[in-house]
Amino acid sequence: MTMAVQKKICMLGGFSVGKTSLVKRYVESVFSETYLTTVGVKIDKKAVVLGDKTVNLILWDLAGEDDMSSLRLSYMRGAAGYMLVADGTRPATLEMALSLRKRVEAEYGQLPFALLINKKDLTEQWTVTDADLGKLRGDGWWVQSSSARTGEGVDDAFADLATRILG
């Protein structure tokens, strides 16, 4: 018999980095070209089997922020971990992710997290460099690239974060 546990994961990142598209790709296996602005928070759920456990991931897709002060960190309360999302074509979104991590740690301490550099299908337009990402990996960050459009790297990123949350 498998044991079921429930874990809250928050999606954090700047405006228009692909948080909603990543969740939609992960939960529903679809991608929409239509841009939808998240207002407040949107909550989705997906059950994944990891070893002998079924984990119900409760995914909190928080509205994107380019003004850091307006992100409501209270949404993080009770989170088991979080996914920082940046857009590989916009380096400012990586800076936003780094700042968000500092704010989350100051408020909630160390939680498992992953940094997902999204829009891998547009790598020829990327301005975030391998050196930038290598430095973060060297600092112990878990960094992966993904494409909500093609689905590349999406399932792996969520499965890896869930595995690390379970310890």
N, C-alpha and C. Protein backbone atom coordinates (compact mmCIF):
# COMPACT_ATOMS: atom_id res chain seq x y z
N MET A 1 0.84 -1.19 0.00
CA MET A 1 0.00 0.00 0.00
C MET A 1 0.89 1.25 0.00
N THR A 2 0.57 2.21 -0.86
CA THR A 2 1.36 3.43 -0.90
C THR A 2 0.80 4.45 0.08
N MET A 3 1.72 5.20 0.63
CA MET A 3 1.34 6.24 1.57
C MET A 3 1.22 7.55 0.80
N ALA A 4 0.16 8.32 1.06
CA ALA A 4 -0.01 9.59 0.38
C ALA A 4 0.33 10.74 1.32
N VAL A 5 1.11 11.67 0.83
CA VAL A 5 1.43 12.87 1.58
C VAL A 5 1.09 14.07 0.69
N GLN A 6 0.86 15.21 1.32
CA GLN A 6 0.53 16.42 0.59
C GLN A 6 1.60 17.47 0.86
N LYS A 7 2.10 18.11 -0.19
CA LYS A 7 3.16 19.11 -0.04
C LYS A 7 2.81 20.34 -0.88
N LYS A 8 2.94 21.49 -0.24
CA LYS A 8 2.69 22.77 -0.92
C LYS A 8 4.00 23.28 -1.51
N ILE A 9 3.95 23.61 -2.81
CA ILE A 9 5.10 24.19 -3.51
C ILE A 9 4.64 25.52 -4.11
N CYS A 10 5.40 26.58 -3.86
CA CYS A 10 5.09 27.89 -4.44
C CYS A 10 5.96 28.15 -5.65
N MET A 11 5.35 28.73 -6.66
CA MET A 11 6.04 29.15 -7.87
C MET A 11 6.34 30.64 -7.73
N LEU A 12 7.63 31.00 -7.75
CA LEU A 12 8.02 32.39 -7.57
C LEU A 12 8.85 32.86 -8.75
N GLY A 13 8.68 34.11 -9.12
CA GLY A 13 9.50 34.67 -10.18
C GLY A 13 8.91 35.97 -10.68
N GLY A 14 9.65 36.60 -11.56
CA GLY A 14 9.23 37.88 -12.13
C GLY A 14 8.02 37.74 -13.03
N PHE A 15 7.61 38.86 -13.54
CA PHE A 15 6.47 38.98 -14.43
C PHE A 15 6.78 38.29 -15.77
N SER A 16 5.88 37.45 -16.24
CA SER A 16 5.98 36.86 -17.58
C SER A 16 7.19 35.93 -17.80
N VAL A 17 7.60 35.20 -16.74
CA VAL A 17 8.71 34.26 -16.91
C VAL A 17 8.23 32.86 -17.30
N GLY A 18 6.92 32.60 -17.13
CA GLY A 18 6.37 31.31 -17.52
C GLY A 18 5.90 30.43 -16.37
N LYS A 19 5.68 31.00 -15.19
CA LYS A 19 5.25 30.20 -14.04
C LYS A 19 3.93 29.48 -14.32
N THR A 20 2.94 30.22 -14.80
CA THR A 20 1.63 29.64 -15.08
C THR A 20 1.73 28.60 -16.20
N SER A 21 2.51 28.91 -17.23
CA SER A 21 2.68 27.97 -18.36
C SER A 21 3.36 26.68 -17.88
N LEU A 22 4.34 26.80 -16.98
CA LEU A 22 5.01 25.61 -16.45
C LEU A 22 4.05 24.74 -15.65
N VAL A 23 3.23 25.37 -14.81
CA VAL A 23 2.25 24.61 -14.02
C VAL A 23 1.24 23.94 -14.95
N LYS A 24 0.75 24.68 -15.95
CA LYS A 24 -0.22 24.14 -16.89
C LYS A 24 0.38 22.95 -17.67
N ARG A 25 1.64 23.10 -18.09
CA ARG A 25 2.33 22.02 -18.80
C ARG A 25 2.47 20.80 -17.89
N TYR A 26 2.84 21.03 -16.64
CA TYR A 26 3.06 19.94 -15.69
C TYR A 26 1.76 19.23 -15.31
N VAL A 27 0.74 20.00 -15.00
CA VAL A 27 -0.52 19.42 -14.51
C VAL A 27 -1.39 18.88 -15.64
N GLU A 28 -1.48 19.65 -16.75
CA GLU A 28 -2.41 19.29 -17.82
C GLU A 28 -1.73 18.86 -19.12
N SER A 29 -0.38 18.91 -19.16
CA SER A 29 0.37 18.57 -20.37
C SER A 29 -0.02 19.41 -21.58
N VAL A 30 -0.34 20.68 -21.34
CA VAL A 30 -0.68 21.57 -22.46
C VAL A 30 0.11 22.87 -22.35
N PHE A 31 0.21 23.55 -23.49
CA PHE A 31 0.83 24.87 -23.55
C PHE A 31 -0.09 25.76 -24.35
N SER A 32 -0.32 26.97 -23.86
CA SER A 32 -1.17 27.92 -24.57
C SER A 32 -0.32 29.12 -24.95
N GLU A 33 -0.48 29.60 -26.19
CA GLU A 33 0.24 30.80 -26.63
C GLU A 33 -0.37 32.05 -26.00
N THR A 34 -1.59 31.93 -25.48
CA THR A 34 -2.28 33.08 -24.89
C THR A 34 -1.65 33.43 -23.56
N TYR A 35 -1.26 34.69 -23.41
CA TYR A 35 -0.66 35.11 -22.15
C TYR A 35 -1.76 35.46 -21.16
N LEU A 36 -1.70 34.84 -20.00
CA LEU A 36 -2.66 35.13 -18.94
C LEU A 36 -1.91 35.66 -17.73
N THR A 37 -2.29 36.82 -17.27
CA THR A 37 -1.69 37.38 -16.08
C THR A 37 -2.33 36.74 -14.87
N THR A 38 -1.52 36.22 -13.95
CA THR A 38 -2.07 35.66 -12.72
C THR A 38 -2.34 36.82 -11.77
N VAL A 39 -3.54 36.83 -11.22
CA VAL A 39 -3.89 37.85 -10.24
C VAL A 39 -3.92 37.14 -8.89
N GLY A 40 -3.06 37.58 -7.97
CA GLY A 40 -3.03 36.94 -6.65
C GLY A 40 -2.34 35.60 -6.72
N VAL A 41 -3.13 34.53 -6.59
CA VAL A 41 -2.56 33.18 -6.61
C VAL A 41 -3.54 32.23 -7.29
N LYS A 42 -3.01 31.27 -8.03
CA LYS A 42 -3.81 30.22 -8.66
C LYS A 42 -3.27 28.90 -8.11
N ILE A 43 -4.17 28.03 -7.68
CA ILE A 43 -3.74 26.79 -7.04
C ILE A 43 -4.14 25.59 -7.89
N ASP A 44 -3.16 24.72 -8.17
CA ASP A 44 -3.39 23.49 -8.92
C ASP A 44 -2.86 22.33 -8.08
N LYS A 45 -3.22 21.11 -8.48
CA LYS A 45 -2.80 19.93 -7.73
C LYS A 45 -2.39 18.84 -8.71
N LYS A 46 -1.32 18.12 -8.37
CA LYS A 46 -0.92 16.98 -9.17
C LYS A 46 -0.36 15.91 -8.25
N ALA A 47 -0.81 14.69 -8.44
CA ALA A 47 -0.29 13.55 -7.66
C ALA A 47 0.86 12.92 -8.43
N VAL A 48 1.97 12.69 -7.74
CA VAL A 48 3.11 12.00 -8.33
C VAL A 48 3.50 10.85 -7.43
N VAL A 49 3.98 9.77 -8.04
CA VAL A 49 4.44 8.62 -7.26
C VAL A 49 5.96 8.66 -7.24
N LEU A 50 6.50 8.69 -6.03
CA LEU A 50 7.95 8.69 -5.83
C LEU A 50 8.27 7.53 -4.91
N GLY A 51 8.88 6.50 -5.47
CA GLY A 51 9.16 5.30 -4.68
C GLY A 51 7.86 4.68 -4.22
N ASP A 52 7.70 4.49 -2.90
CA ASP A 52 6.48 3.89 -2.38
C ASP A 52 5.48 4.95 -1.89
N LYS A 53 5.75 6.22 -2.19
CA LYS A 53 4.87 7.29 -1.73
C LYS A 53 4.14 7.95 -2.89
N THR A 54 2.89 8.28 -2.64
CA THR A 54 2.16 9.15 -3.55
C THR A 54 2.18 10.53 -2.91
N VAL A 55 2.66 11.49 -3.66
CA VAL A 55 2.76 12.85 -3.16
C VAL A 55 1.78 13.72 -3.92
N ASN A 56 0.87 14.34 -3.19
CA ASN A 56 -0.04 15.31 -3.80
C ASN A 56 0.64 16.67 -3.71
N LEU A 57 1.09 17.14 -4.86
CA LEU A 57 1.74 18.45 -4.91
C LEU A 57 0.66 19.51 -5.08
N ILE A 58 0.61 20.44 -4.14
CA ILE A 58 -0.32 21.56 -4.22
C ILE A 58 0.52 22.74 -4.72
N LEU A 59 0.30 23.13 -5.96
CA LEU A 59 1.13 24.12 -6.63
C LEU A 59 0.48 25.50 -6.54
N TRP A 60 1.13 26.39 -5.83
CA TRP A 60 0.65 27.76 -5.69
C TRP A 60 1.40 28.62 -6.69
N ASP A 61 0.70 29.06 -7.72
CA ASP A 61 1.27 29.90 -8.76
C ASP A 61 1.01 31.35 -8.35
N LEU A 62 2.06 32.01 -7.83
CA LEU A 62 1.91 33.37 -7.34
C LEU A 62 2.08 34.37 -8.47
N ALA A 63 1.33 35.44 -8.39
CA ALA A 63 1.43 36.50 -9.41
C ALA A 63 2.88 36.93 -9.57
N GLY A 64 3.31 37.14 -10.79
CA GLY A 64 4.68 37.57 -11.06
C GLY A 64 4.91 38.97 -10.55
N GLU A 65 6.12 39.22 -10.12
CA GLU A 65 6.44 40.53 -9.56
C GLU A 65 7.71 41.08 -10.18
N ASP A 66 7.66 42.32 -10.60
CA ASP A 66 8.88 43.00 -10.96
C ASP A 66 9.17 44.06 -9.91
N ASP A 67 8.16 44.34 -9.09
CA ASP A 67 8.35 45.22 -7.94
C ASP A 67 8.38 44.30 -6.73
N MET A 68 9.57 44.03 -6.23
CA MET A 68 9.74 43.02 -5.18
C MET A 68 8.90 43.26 -3.94
N SER A 69 8.69 44.53 -3.61
CA SER A 69 8.00 44.82 -2.36
C SER A 69 6.56 44.34 -2.40
N SER A 70 6.00 44.13 -3.60
CA SER A 70 4.59 43.79 -3.65
C SER A 70 4.31 42.29 -3.58
N LEU A 71 5.35 41.45 -3.68
CA LEU A 71 5.10 40.01 -3.57
C LEU A 71 4.65 39.70 -2.15
N ARG A 72 3.54 39.03 -2.05
CA ARG A 72 3.01 38.70 -0.74
C ARG A 72 3.63 37.40 -0.25
N LEU A 73 4.69 37.56 0.55
CA LEU A 73 5.38 36.37 1.05
C LEU A 73 4.51 35.56 1.99
N SER A 74 3.40 36.14 2.45
CA SER A 74 2.50 35.37 3.33
C SER A 74 1.97 34.13 2.59
N TYR A 75 1.92 34.17 1.26
CA TYR A 75 1.49 32.99 0.49
C TYR A 75 2.44 31.81 0.69
N MET A 76 3.66 32.09 1.11
CA MET A 76 4.66 31.03 1.32
C MET A 76 4.39 30.23 2.60
N ARG A 77 3.57 30.76 3.48
CA ARG A 77 3.32 30.09 4.76
C ARG A 77 2.86 28.64 4.52
N GLY A 78 3.53 27.71 5.17
CA GLY A 78 3.15 26.30 5.04
C GLY A 78 3.76 25.60 3.83
N ALA A 79 4.55 26.32 3.04
CA ALA A 79 5.15 25.70 1.86
C ALA A 79 6.27 24.75 2.27
N ALA A 80 6.34 23.61 1.58
CA ALA A 80 7.40 22.64 1.82
C ALA A 80 8.62 22.97 0.98
N GLY A 81 8.42 23.77 -0.07
CA GLY A 81 9.50 24.15 -0.96
C GLY A 81 8.98 25.12 -2.00
N TYR A 82 9.88 25.55 -2.88
CA TYR A 82 9.45 26.49 -3.91
C TYR A 82 10.31 26.37 -5.16
N MET A 83 9.72 26.81 -6.25
CA MET A 83 10.37 26.81 -7.55
C MET A 83 10.57 28.27 -7.95
N LEU A 84 11.82 28.68 -8.07
CA LEU A 84 12.13 30.01 -8.59
C LEU A 84 12.18 29.88 -10.11
N VAL A 85 11.51 30.77 -10.82
CA VAL A 85 11.50 30.70 -12.28
C VAL A 85 12.07 32.00 -12.84
N ALA A 86 12.98 31.85 -13.80
CA ALA A 86 13.53 33.00 -14.52
C ALA A 86 13.42 32.72 -16.01
N ASP A 87 13.44 33.77 -16.79
CA ASP A 87 13.35 33.68 -18.25
C ASP A 87 14.77 33.83 -18.81
N GLY A 88 15.25 32.80 -19.51
CA GLY A 88 16.60 32.82 -20.03
C GLY A 88 16.90 33.97 -20.97
N THR A 89 15.85 34.59 -21.53
CA THR A 89 16.06 35.70 -22.46
C THR A 89 16.09 37.06 -21.75
N ARG A 90 15.84 37.07 -20.43
CA ARG A 90 15.78 38.33 -19.69
C ARG A 90 16.57 38.22 -18.38
N PRO A 91 17.84 38.67 -18.37
CA PRO A 91 18.68 38.53 -17.17
C PRO A 91 18.10 39.19 -15.93
N ALA A 92 17.30 40.23 -16.09
CA ALA A 92 16.70 40.89 -14.93
C ALA A 92 15.82 39.91 -14.14
N THR A 93 15.26 38.91 -14.84
CA THR A 93 14.39 37.95 -14.13
C THR A 93 15.23 37.00 -13.27
N LEU A 94 16.49 36.78 -13.65
CA LEU A 94 17.39 35.98 -12.81
C LEU A 94 17.73 36.78 -11.55
N GLU A 95 17.99 38.06 -11.72
CA GLU A 95 18.25 38.94 -10.56
C GLU A 95 17.04 38.93 -9.62
N MET A 96 15.84 38.97 -10.20
CA MET A 96 14.61 38.93 -9.41
C MET A 96 14.56 37.62 -8.61
N ALA A 97 14.89 36.50 -9.25
CA ALA A 97 14.86 35.20 -8.57
C ALA A 97 15.85 35.18 -7.41
N LEU A 98 17.05 35.74 -7.62
CA LEU A 98 18.05 35.78 -6.55
C LEU A 98 17.53 36.60 -5.37
N SER A 99 16.89 37.72 -5.66
CA SER A 99 16.34 38.57 -4.60
C SER A 99 15.19 37.89 -3.88
N LEU A 100 14.34 37.20 -4.64
CA LEU A 100 13.21 36.49 -4.03
C LEU A 100 13.71 35.43 -3.05
N ARG A 101 14.76 34.71 -3.45
CA ARG A 101 15.29 33.68 -2.56
C ARG A 101 15.76 34.30 -1.25
N LYS A 102 16.45 35.43 -1.34
CA LYS A 102 16.92 36.10 -0.11
C LYS A 102 15.74 36.47 0.77
N ARG A 103 14.68 36.99 0.16
CA ARG A 103 13.51 37.40 0.94
C ARG A 103 12.83 36.20 1.59
N VAL A 104 12.69 35.11 0.83
CA VAL A 104 12.05 33.91 1.38
C VAL A 104 12.88 33.37 2.54
N GLU A 105 14.21 33.28 2.37
CA GLU A 105 15.06 32.77 3.45
C GLU A 105 15.01 33.64 4.68
N ALA A 106 14.97 34.96 4.50
CA ALA A 106 14.90 35.88 5.64
C ALA A 106 13.60 35.66 6.42
N GLU A 107 12.53 35.36 5.70
CA GLU A 107 11.22 35.22 6.32
C GLU A 107 10.94 33.80 6.83
N TYR A 108 11.36 32.78 6.07
CA TYR A 108 10.96 31.40 6.38
C TYR A 108 12.12 30.44 6.61
N GLY A 109 13.35 30.93 6.52
CA GLY A 109 14.49 30.04 6.69
C GLY A 109 14.75 29.25 5.42
N GLN A 110 15.60 28.24 5.54
CA GLN A 110 15.97 27.46 4.36
C GLN A 110 14.92 26.41 4.05
N LEU A 111 14.40 26.47 2.85
CA LEU A 111 13.45 25.48 2.34
C LEU A 111 14.04 24.91 1.06
N PRO A 112 13.70 23.66 0.72
CA PRO A 112 14.15 23.13 -0.57
C PRO A 112 13.60 24.00 -1.70
N PHE A 113 14.44 24.29 -2.67
CA PHE A 113 14.00 25.08 -3.82
C PHE A 113 14.79 24.65 -5.04
N ALA A 114 14.28 25.04 -6.19
CA ALA A 114 14.99 24.83 -7.44
C ALA A 114 14.88 26.11 -8.25
N LEU A 115 15.89 26.37 -9.05
CA LEU A 115 15.85 27.50 -9.98
C LEU A 115 15.66 26.92 -11.37
N LEU A 116 14.57 27.30 -12.00
CA LEU A 116 14.25 26.81 -13.33
C LEU A 116 14.41 27.98 -14.30
N ILE A 117 15.34 27.84 -15.25
CA ILE A 117 15.51 28.86 -16.28
C ILE A 117 14.63 28.42 -17.44
N ASN A 118 13.55 29.14 -17.65
CA ASN A 118 12.52 28.74 -18.61
C ASN A 118 12.79 29.35 -19.99
N LYS A 119 12.07 28.84 -20.95
CA LYS A 119 12.13 29.27 -22.36
C LYS A 119 13.35 28.68 -23.06
N LYS A 120 13.63 27.40 -22.75
CA LYS A 120 14.75 26.69 -23.37
C LYS A 120 14.57 26.57 -24.89
N ASP A 121 13.31 26.63 -25.35
CA ASP A 121 13.06 26.57 -26.79
C ASP A 121 13.56 27.83 -27.50
N LEU A 122 13.96 28.85 -26.72
CA LEU A 122 14.48 30.09 -27.29
C LEU A 122 15.95 30.31 -26.93
N THR A 123 16.72 29.22 -26.75
CA THR A 123 18.10 29.38 -26.26
C THR A 123 18.96 30.28 -27.14
N GLU A 124 18.67 30.37 -28.43
CA GLU A 124 19.48 31.26 -29.27
C GLU A 124 19.26 32.72 -28.88
N GLN A 125 18.21 33.01 -28.13
CA GLN A 125 17.94 34.38 -27.67
C GLN A 125 18.35 34.59 -26.20
N TRP A 126 18.85 33.54 -25.56
CA TRP A 126 19.20 33.65 -24.14
C TRP A 126 20.31 34.66 -23.91
N THR A 127 20.15 35.42 -22.85
CA THR A 127 21.19 36.34 -22.42
C THR A 127 21.70 35.95 -21.03
N VAL A 128 21.02 35.00 -20.38
CA VAL A 128 21.53 34.42 -19.15
C VAL A 128 22.62 33.44 -19.60
N THR A 129 23.82 33.55 -19.04
CA THR A 129 24.94 32.77 -19.55
C THR A 129 25.20 31.49 -18.73
N ASP A 130 25.91 30.56 -19.36
CA ASP A 130 26.33 29.34 -18.67
C ASP A 130 27.19 29.69 -17.45
N ALA A 131 27.98 30.77 -17.56
CA ALA A 131 28.82 31.20 -16.44
C ALA A 131 27.96 31.64 -15.26
N ASP A 132 26.87 32.38 -15.54
CA ASP A 132 25.94 32.80 -14.48
C ASP A 132 25.40 31.57 -13.74
N LEU A 133 24.96 30.59 -14.53
CA LEU A 133 24.34 29.40 -13.96
C LEU A 133 25.38 28.52 -13.26
N GLY A 134 26.59 28.45 -13.83
CA GLY A 134 27.67 27.68 -13.23
C GLY A 134 28.04 28.21 -11.86
N LYS A 135 28.04 29.53 -11.72
CA LYS A 135 28.35 30.15 -10.43
C LYS A 135 27.30 29.75 -9.39
N LEU A 136 26.03 29.78 -9.78
CA LEU A 136 24.96 29.40 -8.86
C LEU A 136 25.07 27.93 -8.46
N ARG A 137 25.35 27.07 -9.46
CA ARG A 137 25.53 25.64 -9.16
C ARG A 137 26.69 25.46 -8.19
N GLY A 138 27.77 26.23 -8.40
CA GLY A 138 28.93 26.19 -7.52
C GLY A 138 28.58 26.60 -6.09
N ASP A 139 27.56 27.46 -5.96
CA ASP A 139 27.09 27.89 -4.64
C ASP A 139 26.08 26.91 -4.04
N GLY A 140 25.88 25.77 -4.72
CA GLY A 140 24.99 24.74 -4.19
C GLY A 140 23.54 24.83 -4.66
N TRP A 141 23.27 25.69 -5.61
CA TRP A 141 21.90 25.81 -6.13
C TRP A 141 21.61 24.66 -7.08
N TRP A 142 20.36 24.22 -7.10
CA TRP A 142 19.90 23.24 -8.08
C TRP A 142 19.30 24.06 -9.21
N VAL A 143 19.96 24.03 -10.37
CA VAL A 143 19.55 24.85 -11.51
C VAL A 143 19.28 23.94 -12.69
N GLN A 144 18.14 24.14 -13.35
CA GLN A 144 17.83 23.37 -14.54
C GLN A 144 17.15 24.29 -15.54
N SER A 145 17.22 23.95 -16.81
CA SER A 145 16.49 24.72 -17.81
C SER A 145 15.27 23.93 -18.24
N SER A 146 14.27 24.66 -18.72
CA SER A 146 13.02 24.03 -19.12
C SER A 146 12.37 24.82 -20.23
N SER A 147 11.39 24.20 -20.84
CA SER A 147 10.55 24.89 -21.81
C SER A 147 9.11 24.49 -21.54
N ALA A 148 8.31 25.44 -21.10
CA ALA A 148 6.88 25.15 -20.92
C ALA A 148 6.25 24.84 -22.27
N ARG A 149 6.79 25.46 -23.34
CA ARG A 149 6.23 25.24 -24.68
C ARG A 149 6.40 23.79 -25.13
N THR A 150 7.64 23.25 -25.02
CA THR A 150 7.89 21.88 -25.51
C THR A 150 7.72 20.84 -24.41
N GLY A 151 7.76 21.28 -23.16
CA GLY A 151 7.67 20.35 -22.03
C GLY A 151 9.03 19.86 -21.55
N GLU A 152 10.10 20.21 -22.27
CA GLU A 152 11.44 19.74 -21.91
C GLU A 152 11.83 20.21 -20.51
N GLY A 153 12.24 19.25 -19.68
CA GLY A 153 12.73 19.56 -18.34
C GLY A 153 11.68 19.83 -17.29
N VAL A 154 10.42 19.94 -17.67
CA VAL A 154 9.38 20.34 -16.72
C VAL A 154 9.08 19.25 -15.70
N ASP A 155 8.73 18.04 -16.16
CA ASP A 155 8.41 16.96 -15.23
C ASP A 155 9.59 16.65 -14.32
N ASP A 156 10.80 16.64 -14.91
CA ASP A 156 12.01 16.34 -14.12
C ASP A 156 12.21 17.35 -13.00
N ALA A 157 11.97 18.62 -13.31
CA ALA A 157 12.18 19.67 -12.31
C ALA A 157 11.25 19.49 -11.12
N PHE A 158 9.97 19.25 -11.39
CA PHE A 158 9.02 19.07 -10.30
C PHE A 158 9.28 17.79 -9.53
N ALA A 159 9.62 16.70 -10.24
CA ALA A 159 9.90 15.42 -9.57
C ALA A 159 11.13 15.55 -8.68
N ASP A 160 12.16 16.24 -9.18
CA ASP A 160 13.37 16.41 -8.38
C ASP A 160 13.10 17.25 -7.14
N LEU A 161 12.35 18.33 -7.29
CA LEU A 161 12.04 19.17 -6.13
C LEU A 161 11.22 18.38 -5.12
N ALA A 162 10.24 17.62 -5.59
CA ALA A 162 9.41 16.80 -4.68
C ALA A 162 10.26 15.78 -3.94
N THR A 163 11.21 15.16 -4.65
CA THR A 163 12.11 14.17 -4.02
C THR A 163 12.94 14.83 -2.94
N ARG A 164 13.47 16.03 -3.23
CA ARG A 164 14.28 16.72 -2.24
C ARG A 164 13.45 17.18 -1.05
N ILE A 165 12.19 17.55 -1.29
CA ILE A 165 11.30 17.95 -0.19
C ILE A 165 11.07 16.77 0.75
N LEU A 166 10.91 15.58 0.15
CA LEU A 166 10.67 14.38 0.99
C LEU A 166 11.92 13.94 1.71
N GLY A 167 13.09 14.44 1.27
CA GLY A 167 14.34 14.14 1.95
C GLY A 167 14.84 12.77 1.60
